[in-house]
């Protein structure tokens, strides 16, 4: 130590430090990754603030089913890439499904290979939920349900995606039975063709075949409650709905099944039937919906045969020409044709129960979903004027 003295009272001491040669460690202070796969980066204890090792690309994430799947995956700590067509701000409500940086929006077009590849190249899971119940001038059923999924499956395979999930339809058939449309439903034909093309490009793809899905903002409960599906206070159904069997499924259950399939390697290459726990006649369901809404026979409700009403047929035929692409009340001939088909559940194919999903019964959920459609709901809450609606009679439980 050297001391410099300036004057009599002020002493400044300067400590001379010997500079040592800096030695850098050749080994990193954190463990090296054994692989470059996203699963090797798994961090956290679970939940939205964690990363579970899954990077998923969800096509059709802004749709009815897609928003539930996004929420379920976000809860488990999945990083999601959400392709969109149009304005990004139409997808902004999905930003809260995951933590900061977990949700990424990516523009794409269904006929553009480059944009699809950009959305899939960092993912190990790809889920295709793109679907349309009516054709438009830009996209036909074959384009949306067959050519598009084939393109996505091919590019996902080229990008090394491990799990590919494709959402089809329960009654998909190359030769569906004809009811109201000559030649049968083109929707069901295109769904079956899409399954075949996806299997051709991605043999180990997981296929879900859901029945009619109900929930918030669905096209099942709202469809039968819509004024467009009524003729005044009467409801036209094919053969009064007494020959059609339905097995609707709750949207949360389908989302749970898709999330479970993402994390189950044994599910690859299988076809799952996403159906509800109970089977009903369509006539029983529609009657029950109206009982919940306090619109019974005393109000004027009645069912009758659709095929005997030329006025309703004319409305279904010409109403789509009066709109700008979105049918009023989702009323069009393809929807009517699908409505006439009974749900066919194959006994040799697994269901949501095989994925560990606890199915929701309609009696526990539908009254809540139809609260907004109740007639005189304020009087019911105050003085209990109306009797509790009688639940529908099931055909059989699966």
Protein backbone atom coordinates (compact mmCIF):
# COMPACT_ATOMS: atom_id res chain seq x y z
CA UNK A 1 0.00 0.00 0.00
CA UNK A 2 1.35 3.41 -0.97
CA UNK A 3 0.42 6.61 0.85
CA UNK A 4 0.52 9.98 -0.86
CA UNK A 5 0.55 13.07 1.37
CA UNK A 6 -0.76 16.37 0.07
CA UNK A 7 -0.33 19.13 2.63
CA UNK A 8 -0.33 18.59 6.36
CA UNK A 9 -3.91 17.36 6.99
CA UNK A 10 -5.24 15.76 3.80
CA UNK A 11 -4.07 12.25 3.27
CA UNK A 12 -5.18 10.23 0.31
CA UNK A 13 -4.54 6.60 0.24
CA UNK A 14 -4.49 4.71 -2.96
CA UNK A 15 -4.64 1.01 -2.80
CA UNK A 16 -2.91 -0.64 -5.64
CA UNK A 17 -4.66 -3.83 -6.60
CA UNK A 18 -2.77 -6.48 -8.38
CA UNK A 19 -4.57 -7.36 -11.56
CA UNK A 20 -5.01 -11.06 -11.86
CA UNK A 21 -5.52 -12.85 -15.13
CA UNK A 22 -9.23 -13.59 -15.62
CA UNK A 23 -9.96 -17.25 -16.19
CA UNK A 24 -13.23 -18.26 -17.95
CA UNK A 25 -14.90 -21.63 -17.32
CA UNK A 26 -15.17 -23.76 -20.39
CA UNK A 27 -18.27 -25.54 -19.00
CA UNK A 28 -21.66 -23.80 -18.85
CA UNK A 29 -23.18 -23.13 -15.46
CA UNK A 30 -26.51 -24.70 -16.56
CA UNK A 31 -27.13 -28.29 -17.71
CA UNK A 32 -26.89 -28.86 -21.43
CA UNK A 33 -29.94 -29.94 -23.37
CA UNK A 34 -29.94 -33.53 -24.52
CA UNK A 35 -32.03 -32.69 -27.57
CA UNK A 36 -33.34 -29.68 -29.45
CA UNK A 37 -36.96 -30.76 -29.09
CA UNK A 38 -39.37 -28.38 -27.30
CA UNK A 39 -40.11 -31.10 -24.74
CA UNK A 40 -36.53 -30.73 -23.46
CA UNK A 41 -37.36 -27.14 -22.43
CA UNK A 42 -40.18 -28.16 -20.10
CA UNK A 43 -40.23 -25.84 -17.10
CA UNK A 44 -42.49 -25.03 -14.18
CA UNK A 45 -44.89 -26.89 -11.94
CA UNK A 46 -47.87 -26.70 -14.27
CA UNK A 47 -50.44 -24.04 -15.10
CA UNK A 48 -50.55 -21.01 -17.36
CA UNK A 49 -47.20 -19.65 -16.10
CA UNK A 50 -45.37 -22.89 -16.95
CA UNK A 51 -44.24 -24.59 -20.15
CA UNK A 52 -45.25 -28.23 -20.51
CA UNK A 53 -43.02 -28.94 -23.51
CA UNK A 54 -45.79 -28.73 -26.12
CA UNK A 55 -45.75 -26.15 -28.90
CA UNK A 56 -49.11 -26.46 -30.68
CA UNK A 57 -50.39 -24.90 -33.89
CA UNK A 58 -54.18 -24.63 -33.87
CA UNK A 59 -55.89 -24.10 -37.21
CA UNK A 60 -59.45 -22.88 -36.70
CA UNK A 61 -58.73 -21.58 -33.21
CA UNK A 62 -61.22 -18.71 -33.51
CA UNK A 63 -64.14 -21.06 -34.11
CA UNK A 64 -66.67 -22.40 -31.63
CA UNK A 65 -64.63 -25.46 -30.63
CA UNK A 66 -61.22 -23.83 -31.14
CA UNK A 67 -61.58 -21.22 -28.38
CA UNK A 68 -62.32 -23.94 -25.81
CA UNK A 69 -59.30 -25.99 -26.92
CA UNK A 70 -57.09 -22.88 -26.67
CA UNK A 71 -58.25 -22.26 -23.13
CA UNK A 72 -57.65 -25.88 -22.08
CA UNK A 73 -54.17 -25.97 -23.61
CA UNK A 74 -53.27 -22.60 -22.10
CA UNK A 75 -54.20 -23.83 -18.62
CA UNK A 76 -51.67 -26.65 -18.94
CA UNK A 77 -48.80 -24.38 -20.04
CA UNK A 78 -48.83 -24.98 -23.79
CA UNK A 79 -47.23 -22.51 -26.16
CA UNK A 80 -49.68 -21.90 -29.02
CA UNK A 81 -49.32 -20.60 -32.56
CA UNK A 82 -52.70 -19.45 -33.84
CA UNK A 83 -52.92 -18.97 -37.62
CA UNK A 84 -55.56 -16.52 -38.74
CA UNK A 85 -57.05 -15.20 -41.98
CA UNK A 86 -58.16 -11.61 -42.11
CA UNK A 87 -57.66 -9.14 -39.26
CA UNK A 88 -55.46 -10.09 -36.31
CA UNK A 89 -57.68 -8.11 -33.94
CA UNK A 90 -60.48 -10.62 -34.52
CA UNK A 91 -58.27 -13.10 -32.60
CA UNK A 92 -57.32 -10.83 -29.70
CA UNK A 93 -59.75 -12.47 -27.26
CA UNK A 94 -57.54 -15.58 -27.39
CA UNK A 95 -54.51 -13.66 -26.09
CA UNK A 96 -55.57 -14.24 -22.48
CA UNK A 97 -55.60 -18.04 -22.88
CA UNK A 98 -51.90 -18.19 -22.03
CA UNK A 99 -49.23 -16.27 -20.18
CA UNK A 100 -47.24 -13.42 -21.71
CA UNK A 101 -45.43 -14.67 -24.81
CA UNK A 102 -47.23 -18.02 -24.90
CA UNK A 103 -49.72 -17.02 -27.62
CA UNK A 104 -48.42 -16.13 -31.07
CA UNK A 105 -50.63 -15.04 -33.98
CA UNK A 106 -49.52 -16.02 -37.47
CA UNK A 107 -51.23 -14.93 -40.73
CA UNK A 108 -51.91 -17.73 -43.18
CA UNK A 109 -54.04 -18.77 -46.12
CA UNK A 110 -55.41 -22.27 -46.59
CA UNK A 111 -54.12 -22.49 -50.17
CA UNK A 112 -50.65 -21.04 -49.44
CA UNK A 113 -48.03 -23.67 -48.58
CA UNK A 114 -45.48 -21.12 -47.40
CA UNK A 115 -47.73 -19.58 -44.76
CA UNK A 116 -48.82 -23.00 -43.48
CA UNK A 117 -45.19 -24.10 -43.21
CA UNK A 118 -44.32 -20.94 -41.29
CA UNK A 119 -47.07 -21.77 -38.78
CA UNK A 120 -46.05 -25.44 -38.34
CA UNK A 121 -42.26 -25.51 -38.46
CA UNK A 122 -41.68 -24.85 -34.74
CA UNK A 123 -44.48 -27.07 -33.39
CA UNK A 124 -44.61 -30.65 -32.20
CA UNK A 125 -48.45 -30.73 -32.18
CA UNK A 126 -50.78 -29.53 -34.94
CA UNK A 127 -54.57 -29.47 -34.53
CA UNK A 128 -56.88 -28.84 -37.48
CA UNK A 129 -60.36 -27.62 -36.51
CA UNK A 130 -61.17 -25.72 -39.70
CA UNK A 131 -64.72 -26.36 -40.86
CA UNK A 132 -67.64 -24.72 -42.58
CA UNK A 133 -71.30 -25.75 -42.62
CA UNK A 134 -72.07 -23.93 -45.88
CA UNK A 135 -70.17 -23.24 -49.08
CA UNK A 136 -69.04 -19.79 -50.21
CA UNK A 137 -67.85 -18.42 -53.53
CA UNK A 138 -64.22 -18.68 -52.34
CA UNK A 139 -64.25 -21.97 -50.42
CA UNK A 140 -66.18 -25.12 -51.28
CA UNK A 141 -66.70 -28.07 -48.92
CA UNK A 142 -63.94 -30.05 -50.64
CA UNK A 143 -61.54 -27.12 -50.34
CA UNK A 144 -62.19 -26.59 -46.60
CA UNK A 145 -62.69 -30.21 -45.46
CA UNK A 146 -60.47 -32.19 -47.86
CA UNK A 147 -57.84 -30.25 -49.80
CA UNK A 148 -56.99 -27.90 -46.95
CA UNK A 149 -56.53 -30.61 -44.27
CA UNK A 150 -54.49 -32.68 -46.74
CA UNK A 151 -52.17 -29.74 -47.33
CA UNK A 152 -51.82 -29.07 -43.59
CA UNK A 153 -51.14 -32.76 -42.84
CA UNK A 154 -48.50 -33.02 -45.59
CA UNK A 155 -46.65 -29.90 -44.45
CA UNK A 156 -46.89 -30.96 -40.78
CA UNK A 157 -45.30 -34.29 -41.68
CA UNK A 158 -42.50 -32.54 -43.56
CA UNK A 159 -41.86 -30.27 -40.56
CA UNK A 160 -41.43 -33.24 -38.21
CA UNK A 161 -44.63 -32.75 -36.22
CA UNK A 162 -45.13 -35.61 -33.77
CA UNK A 163 -48.89 -35.39 -33.17
CA UNK A 164 -51.51 -34.37 -35.72
CA UNK A 165 -55.18 -34.10 -34.72
CA UNK A 166 -57.96 -33.68 -37.29
CA UNK A 167 -61.57 -32.89 -36.36
CA UNK A 168 -64.09 -34.51 -38.73
CA UNK A 169 -67.82 -35.30 -38.28
CA UNK A 170 -69.64 -38.26 -36.76
CA UNK A 171 -71.75 -39.31 -39.76
CA UNK A 172 -69.02 -38.76 -42.36
CA UNK A 173 -69.78 -41.08 -45.26
CA UNK A 174 -68.79 -41.26 -48.94
CA UNK A 175 -72.38 -42.17 -49.83
CA UNK A 176 -74.69 -40.65 -47.18
CA UNK A 177 -78.38 -41.41 -47.12
CA UNK A 178 -80.50 -38.95 -49.06
CA UNK A 179 -83.23 -37.02 -47.24
CA UNK A 180 -83.87 -33.48 -48.49
CA UNK A 181 -80.93 -32.87 -50.87
CA UNK A 182 -80.59 -34.96 -54.06
CA UNK A 183 -77.50 -37.11 -53.72
CA UNK A 184 -77.17 -36.61 -49.98
CA UNK A 185 -75.13 -34.21 -47.86
CA UNK A 186 -72.04 -32.78 -49.54
CA UNK A 187 -70.80 -31.75 -46.10
CA UNK A 188 -70.61 -35.37 -44.92
CA UNK A 189 -69.03 -36.49 -48.20
CA UNK A 190 -66.27 -33.88 -47.94
CA UNK A 191 -65.62 -34.78 -44.28
CA UNK A 192 -65.09 -38.43 -45.19
CA UNK A 193 -62.80 -37.49 -48.07
CA UNK A 194 -60.82 -35.28 -45.71
CA UNK A 195 -60.25 -38.19 -43.32
CA UNK A 196 -58.88 -40.35 -46.14
CA UNK A 197 -56.55 -37.64 -47.45
CA UNK A 198 -55.25 -36.82 -43.97
CA UNK A 199 -54.54 -40.51 -43.29
CA UNK A 200 -52.71 -40.72 -46.61
CA UNK A 201 -50.38 -37.85 -45.72
CA UNK A 202 -50.12 -38.49 -41.96
CA UNK A 203 -50.86 -42.20 -41.21
CA UNK A 204 -50.60 -41.79 -37.41
CA UNK A 205 -53.01 -38.83 -37.31
CA UNK A 206 -55.67 -38.74 -34.56
CA UNK A 207 -59.19 -38.18 -35.90
CA UNK A 208 -62.12 -36.93 -33.83
CA UNK A 209 -65.68 -37.45 -35.05
CA UNK A 210 -67.95 -35.22 -32.93
CA UNK A 211 -71.72 -35.33 -32.98
CA UNK A 212 -73.79 -32.16 -32.55
CA UNK A 213 -71.83 -29.96 -30.11
CA UNK A 214 -73.68 -27.70 -27.71
CA UNK A 215 -72.44 -24.92 -25.44
CA UNK A 216 -72.07 -21.15 -25.35
CA UNK A 217 -72.58 -19.61 -28.82
CA UNK A 218 -73.19 -23.02 -30.43
CA UNK A 219 -75.12 -23.93 -33.56
CA UNK A 220 -77.31 -26.56 -31.96
CA UNK A 221 -79.25 -25.04 -29.08
CA UNK A 222 -79.31 -21.57 -30.64
CA UNK A 223 -80.36 -23.10 -33.95
CA UNK A 224 -83.57 -24.61 -32.54
CA UNK A 225 -84.27 -21.52 -30.44
CA UNK A 226 -83.88 -19.14 -33.37
CA UNK A 227 -86.93 -17.43 -34.83
CA UNK A 228 -85.73 -18.47 -38.29
CA UNK A 229 -86.12 -22.17 -37.39
CA UNK A 230 -89.77 -21.58 -36.46
CA UNK A 231 -92.83 -20.94 -38.54
CA UNK A 232 -94.50 -18.60 -36.15
CA UNK A 233 -94.68 -20.68 -32.98
CA UNK A 234 -94.48 -24.02 -34.77
CA UNK A 235 -91.29 -26.01 -35.51
CA UNK A 236 -91.02 -28.03 -38.75
CA UNK A 237 -88.90 -31.21 -38.41
CA UNK A 238 -88.32 -34.12 -40.73
CA UNK A 239 -91.04 -36.67 -39.84
CA UNK A 240 -91.72 -34.53 -36.77
CA UNK A 241 -88.28 -35.53 -35.43
CA UNK A 242 -89.66 -38.87 -34.24
CA UNK A 243 -87.40 -40.98 -36.50
CA UNK A 244 -84.12 -39.15 -35.84
CA UNK A 245 -81.82 -40.11 -32.97
CA UNK A 246 -79.23 -37.69 -31.62
CA UNK A 247 -76.41 -38.01 -29.09
CA UNK A 248 -75.18 -34.43 -28.52
CA UNK A 249 -71.91 -33.74 -26.72
CA UNK A 250 -70.83 -30.82 -24.55
CA UNK A 251 -68.11 -28.63 -26.05
CA UNK A 252 -65.95 -28.76 -22.90
CA UNK A 253 -65.88 -32.57 -23.14
CA UNK A 254 -64.67 -32.47 -26.74
CA UNK A 255 -61.96 -29.96 -25.79
CA UNK A 256 -60.88 -32.19 -22.89
CA UNK A 257 -60.60 -35.13 -25.27
CA UNK A 258 -58.46 -33.21 -27.76
CA UNK A 259 -56.11 -31.98 -25.00
CA UNK A 260 -55.84 -35.51 -23.59
CA UNK A 261 -54.97 -36.86 -27.05
CA UNK A 262 -52.17 -34.29 -27.37
CA UNK A 263 -50.44 -35.79 -24.33
CA UNK A 264 -51.21 -39.47 -24.98
CA UNK A 265 -48.84 -41.24 -27.37
CA UNK A 266 -51.10 -44.30 -27.40
CA UNK A 267 -53.84 -42.23 -29.06
CA UNK A 268 -51.89 -41.77 -32.29
CA UNK A 269 -53.46 -43.39 -35.33
CA UNK A 270 -56.89 -43.87 -33.71
CA UNK A 271 -60.36 -42.55 -34.52
CA UNK A 272 -62.38 -41.23 -31.56
CA UNK A 273 -66.13 -40.74 -31.58
CA UNK A 274 -66.93 -37.60 -29.59
CA UNK A 275 -70.50 -38.28 -28.48
CA UNK A 276 -72.48 -37.56 -25.35
CA UNK A 277 -73.39 -40.08 -22.66
CA UNK A 278 -77.09 -40.35 -23.58
CA UNK A 279 -79.07 -40.86 -26.77
CA UNK A 280 -82.38 -39.08 -27.46
CA UNK A 281 -85.01 -38.67 -30.13
CA UNK A 282 -84.76 -35.26 -31.80
CA UNK A 283 -88.45 -34.70 -31.06
CA UNK A 284 -87.80 -35.22 -27.33
CA UNK A 285 -84.91 -32.76 -27.35
CA UNK A 286 -86.78 -30.00 -29.19
CA UNK A 287 -89.80 -30.41 -26.91
CA UNK A 288 -87.52 -30.22 -23.88
CA UNK A 289 -85.80 -27.07 -25.15
CA UNK A 290 -89.17 -25.36 -25.43
CA UNK A 291 -90.25 -26.53 -22.00
CA UNK A 292 -87.11 -24.93 -20.57
CA UNK A 293 -87.94 -21.71 -22.42
CA UNK A 294 -91.50 -21.79 -21.01
CA UNK A 295 -92.85 -22.11 -24.55
CA UNK A 296 -95.13 -25.10 -24.23
CA UNK A 297 -98.38 -26.01 -26.00
CA UNK A 298 -100.25 -23.42 -23.95
CA UNK A 299 -97.96 -20.79 -25.48
CA UNK A 300 -98.66 -22.17 -28.98
CA UNK A 301 -95.69 -24.50 -29.56
CA UNK A 302 -96.20 -27.45 -31.89
CA UNK A 303 -94.09 -29.78 -34.06
CA UNK A 304 -95.08 -30.82 -37.57
CA UNK A 305 -93.61 -32.58 -40.63
CA UNK A 306 -91.19 -30.41 -42.56
CA UNK A 307 -91.69 -32.27 -45.84
CA UNK A 308 -95.35 -31.18 -45.92
CA UNK A 309 -94.65 -27.44 -45.69
CA UNK A 310 -93.87 -25.83 -49.10
CA UNK A 311 -93.61 -22.34 -47.54
CA UNK A 312 -90.79 -23.34 -45.19
CA UNK A 313 -89.00 -25.08 -48.08
CA UNK A 314 -89.20 -21.87 -50.10
CA UNK A 315 -87.75 -19.88 -47.17
CA UNK A 316 -84.83 -22.30 -46.80
CA UNK A 317 -84.14 -22.16 -50.54
CA UNK A 318 -84.21 -18.40 -51.09
CA UNK A 319 -83.16 -16.99 -47.71
CA UNK A 320 -79.38 -17.55 -48.29
CA UNK A 321 -79.58 -15.35 -51.41
CA UNK A 322 -80.77 -12.44 -49.25
CA UNK A 323 -77.66 -12.51 -47.02
CA UNK A 324 -74.02 -11.57 -47.53
CA UNK A 325 -72.60 -15.03 -46.90
CA UNK A 326 -73.76 -15.76 -43.34
CA UNK A 327 -77.18 -17.47 -43.32
CA UNK A 328 -79.78 -16.02 -40.96
CA UNK A 329 -80.15 -18.37 -38.00
CA UNK A 330 -77.76 -20.81 -39.75
CA UNK A 331 -80.75 -21.93 -41.82
CA UNK A 332 -79.84 -23.62 -45.12
CA UNK A 333 -80.41 -26.97 -46.82
CA UNK A 334 -77.13 -28.55 -45.73
CA UNK A 335 -78.04 -27.90 -42.11
CA UNK A 336 -81.51 -29.40 -42.65
CA UNK A 337 -79.98 -32.42 -44.37
CA UNK A 338 -77.53 -33.03 -41.51
CA UNK A 339 -80.36 -32.65 -39.03
CA UNK A 340 -82.25 -35.57 -40.64
CA UNK A 341 -79.40 -38.04 -40.03
CA UNK A 342 -79.41 -40.18 -36.90
CA UNK A 343 -76.09 -40.37 -35.08
CA UNK A 344 -74.36 -43.64 -35.92
CA UNK A 345 -71.95 -44.74 -33.18
CA UNK A 346 -69.67 -47.66 -34.12
CA UNK A 347 -69.10 -50.12 -31.31
CA UNK A 348 -65.55 -50.98 -32.40
CA UNK A 349 -64.21 -47.40 -32.21
CA UNK A 350 -63.14 -45.66 -28.97
CA UNK A 351 -64.99 -42.67 -27.51
CA UNK A 352 -64.08 -39.80 -25.21
CA UNK A 353 -64.37 -42.12 -22.22
CA UNK A 354 -61.32 -44.01 -23.48
CA UNK A 355 -59.35 -40.76 -23.11
CA UNK A 356 -60.43 -40.40 -19.49
CA UNK A 357 -63.04 -37.68 -20.11
CA UNK A 358 -65.94 -37.49 -17.66
CA UNK A 359 -68.93 -36.75 -19.88
CA UNK A 360 -71.45 -34.03 -19.04
CA UNK A 361 -75.15 -34.87 -19.06
CA UNK A 362 -77.42 -32.53 -21.00
CA UNK A 363 -79.85 -32.28 -18.07
CA UNK A 364 -77.09 -30.65 -16.00
CA UNK A 365 -75.96 -28.10 -18.59
CA UNK A 366 -78.67 -27.21 -21.11
CA UNK A 367 -80.97 -25.32 -18.65
CA UNK A 368 -78.09 -22.96 -17.94
CA UNK A 369 -77.33 -22.45 -21.63
CA UNK A 370 -80.97 -21.58 -22.44
CA UNK A 371 -81.48 -19.05 -19.66
CA UNK A 372 -81.31 -16.14 -22.10
CA UNK A 373 -84.11 -17.63 -24.19
CA UNK A 374 -86.61 -18.13 -21.36
CA UNK A 375 -90.00 -16.53 -21.64
CA UNK A 376 -91.11 -14.56 -18.55
CA UNK A 377 -87.88 -15.46 -16.74
CA UNK A 378 -88.26 -12.59 -14.29
CA UNK A 379 -91.64 -13.84 -13.07
CA UNK A 380 -90.24 -17.33 -12.66
CA UNK A 381 -87.40 -16.13 -10.45
CA UNK A 382 -89.68 -14.03 -8.26
CA UNK A 383 -92.83 -16.10 -7.67
CA UNK A 384 -91.97 -19.54 -9.12
CA UNK A 385 -94.94 -19.40 -11.44
CA UNK A 386 -93.74 -22.16 -13.77
CA UNK A 387 -93.17 -25.81 -12.93
CA UNK A 388 -89.70 -27.34 -13.47
CA UNK A 389 -89.44 -28.71 -17.04
CA UNK A 390 -89.67 -32.47 -17.44
CA UNK A 391 -86.34 -33.83 -18.79
CA UNK A 392 -86.29 -35.72 -22.12
CA UNK A 393 -86.70 -39.47 -22.24
CA UNK A 394 -83.43 -41.15 -23.25
CA UNK A 395 -83.28 -44.01 -25.74
CA UNK A 396 -80.21 -45.66 -24.27
CA UNK A 397 -77.03 -44.76 -22.39
CA UNK A 398 -73.63 -45.40 -23.89
